[in-house]
Amino acid sequence: HVQLVESGGGLVQAGGSLRLSCAASGSTFEINNMGWYRQDPGKQRELVASINNGGDRKYADSVKGRFTISRDNAANTVFLQMNTLRPEDSGLYYCYGENVWRVGADYWGHGTQVTVAS
């Protein structure tokens, strides 16, 4: 089993920056892709950014050029640097770990709130 613990959310003014961190512990060998999803009230979680063990990255179109995902494989930690934040970036951000040992048994953190004030 893997535990994902997020940190770094908070309240920021539009145009500001935040850095999210997600530390994985436990059976981390089960994980390949790690990333961040955002969930707005009443909506499904949507991918914000992901990165695999090899460093390949994916971003939602809305955050390209503003957000950067990175990963420290030795520390089993993934980071999301969010710059030039907009009010529409607000939401509950969940860390995600793809379980490559068992399909459908991916790991999720508890979420960290990001609020961008206009």
Protein backbone atom coordinates (compact mmCIF):
# COMPACT_ATOMS: atom_id res chain seq x y z
CA HIS A 1 0.00 0.00 0.00
CA VAL A 2 1.03 3.60 -0.67
CA GLN A 3 0.25 6.74 1.30
CA LEU A 4 0.23 10.13 -0.41
CA VAL A 5 0.46 13.26 1.72
CA GLU A 6 -0.04 16.67 0.15
CA SER A 7 1.07 20.04 1.43
CA GLY A 8 1.41 23.60 0.19
CA GLY A 9 -2.12 24.72 -0.53
CA GLY A 10 -3.53 28.00 0.71
CA LEU A 11 -4.92 31.38 -0.18
CA VAL A 12 -3.14 33.61 -2.67
CA GLN A 13 -3.96 36.70 -4.69
CA ALA A 14 -4.40 36.42 -8.43
CA GLY A 15 -1.03 36.58 -10.14
CA GLY A 16 0.69 34.96 -7.19
CA SER A 17 2.38 31.60 -6.82
CA LEU A 18 2.04 28.46 -4.77
CA ARG A 19 4.03 25.25 -4.64
CA LEU A 20 2.33 21.97 -3.86
CA SER A 21 4.21 18.93 -2.63
CA CYS A 22 3.14 15.31 -2.42
CA ALA A 23 5.22 12.76 -0.57
CA ALA A 24 4.67 9.07 -1.20
CA SER A 25 5.51 6.41 1.35
CA GLY A 26 5.03 2.68 1.65
CA SER A 27 5.18 0.43 -1.40
CA THR A 28 6.27 3.19 -3.74
CA PHE A 29 7.62 0.67 -6.25
CA GLU A 30 3.98 0.20 -7.29
CA ILE A 31 3.79 3.72 -8.70
CA ASN A 32 4.73 5.04 -12.14
CA ASN A 33 2.80 8.18 -13.03
CA MET A 34 2.27 10.75 -10.30
CA GLY A 35 0.37 13.93 -10.68
CA TRP A 36 -2.25 16.38 -9.58
CA TYR A 37 -5.96 16.53 -10.21
CA ARG A 38 -8.29 19.39 -9.34
CA GLN A 39 -11.90 19.01 -8.31
CA ASP A 40 -14.42 21.83 -8.27
CA PRO A 41 -17.68 21.49 -6.31
CA GLY A 42 -20.16 19.34 -8.18
CA LYS A 43 -17.67 18.37 -10.87
CA GLN A 44 -15.40 15.44 -11.59
CA ARG A 45 -11.71 15.54 -10.90
CA GLU A 46 -9.70 16.82 -13.84
CA LEU A 47 -6.04 16.26 -14.58
CA VAL A 48 -3.87 19.29 -13.98
CA ALA A 49 -0.44 17.76 -14.57
CA SER A 50 1.32 14.41 -14.41
CA ILE A 51 4.86 13.07 -14.63
CA ASN A 52 6.11 9.51 -14.96
CA ASN A 53 9.24 7.83 -13.65
CA GLY A 54 11.07 8.81 -16.81
CA GLY A 55 10.20 12.47 -16.46
CA ASP A 56 7.61 12.69 -19.24
CA ARG A 57 5.10 15.40 -18.40
CA LYS A 58 1.52 16.15 -19.32
CA TYR A 59 -0.41 19.35 -18.59
CA ALA A 60 -3.96 20.53 -18.93
CA ASP A 61 -4.18 23.20 -21.63
CA SER A 62 -5.35 25.75 -19.08
CA VAL A 63 -2.13 25.57 -17.06
CA LYS A 64 0.51 25.18 -19.77
CA GLY A 65 3.16 27.84 -19.43
CA ARG A 66 2.12 28.67 -15.86
CA PHE A 67 2.46 25.40 -13.92
CA THR A 68 5.46 23.11 -13.75
CA ILE A 69 5.42 19.57 -12.39
CA SER A 70 8.61 17.97 -11.17
CA ARG A 71 9.58 14.86 -9.32
CA ASP A 72 12.28 13.69 -6.95
CA ASN A 73 12.31 9.95 -7.43
CA ALA A 74 14.82 9.38 -4.63
CA ALA A 75 12.51 11.16 -2.19
CA ASN A 76 9.32 9.79 -3.77
CA THR A 77 7.97 13.31 -3.94
CA VAL A 78 6.21 15.21 -6.69
CA PHE A 79 5.92 18.99 -6.82
CA LEU A 80 3.62 21.39 -8.62
CA GLN A 81 4.90 24.93 -9.02
CA MET A 82 1.95 27.15 -9.83
CA ASN A 83 2.69 30.64 -11.11
CA THR A 84 0.50 33.45 -12.39
CA LEU A 85 -2.44 31.96 -10.57
CA ARG A 86 -5.98 32.81 -11.63
CA PRO A 87 -9.24 32.60 -9.68
CA GLU A 88 -10.31 29.71 -11.92
CA ASP A 89 -7.33 27.71 -10.64
CA SER A 90 -9.06 27.50 -7.27
CA GLY A 91 -10.16 24.10 -6.13
CA LEU A 92 -9.25 21.02 -4.17
CA TYR A 93 -6.02 19.58 -5.51
CA TYR A 94 -5.47 15.86 -5.15
CA CYS A 95 -2.18 14.06 -5.52
CA TYR A 96 -2.42 10.91 -7.59
CA GLY A 97 -0.24 7.84 -7.96
CA GLU A 98 -0.82 5.34 -10.75
CA ASN A 99 -0.64 1.78 -9.48
CA VAL A 100 1.09 -0.22 -12.20
CA TRP A 101 0.81 -3.44 -10.21
CA ARG A 102 -2.97 -3.44 -9.99
CA VAL A 103 -5.20 -1.79 -12.59
CA GLY A 104 -7.92 0.32 -11.02
CA ALA A 105 -6.20 0.48 -7.64
CA ASP A 106 -4.59 3.88 -7.99
CA TYR A 107 -3.68 5.95 -4.97
CA TRP A 108 -5.01 9.34 -3.95
CA GLY A 109 -4.12 11.86 -1.30
CA HIS A 110 -6.71 13.60 0.84
CA GLY A 111 -6.48 16.85 -1.09
CA THR A 112 -5.20 20.33 -0.41
CA GLN A 113 -7.26 23.47 -0.99
CA VAL A 114 -6.03 26.19 -3.30
CA THR A 115 -7.93 29.46 -3.31
CA VAL A 116 -7.00 32.30 -5.63
CA ALA A 117 -8.60 35.60 -4.76
CA SER A 118 -9.34 38.10 -7.49
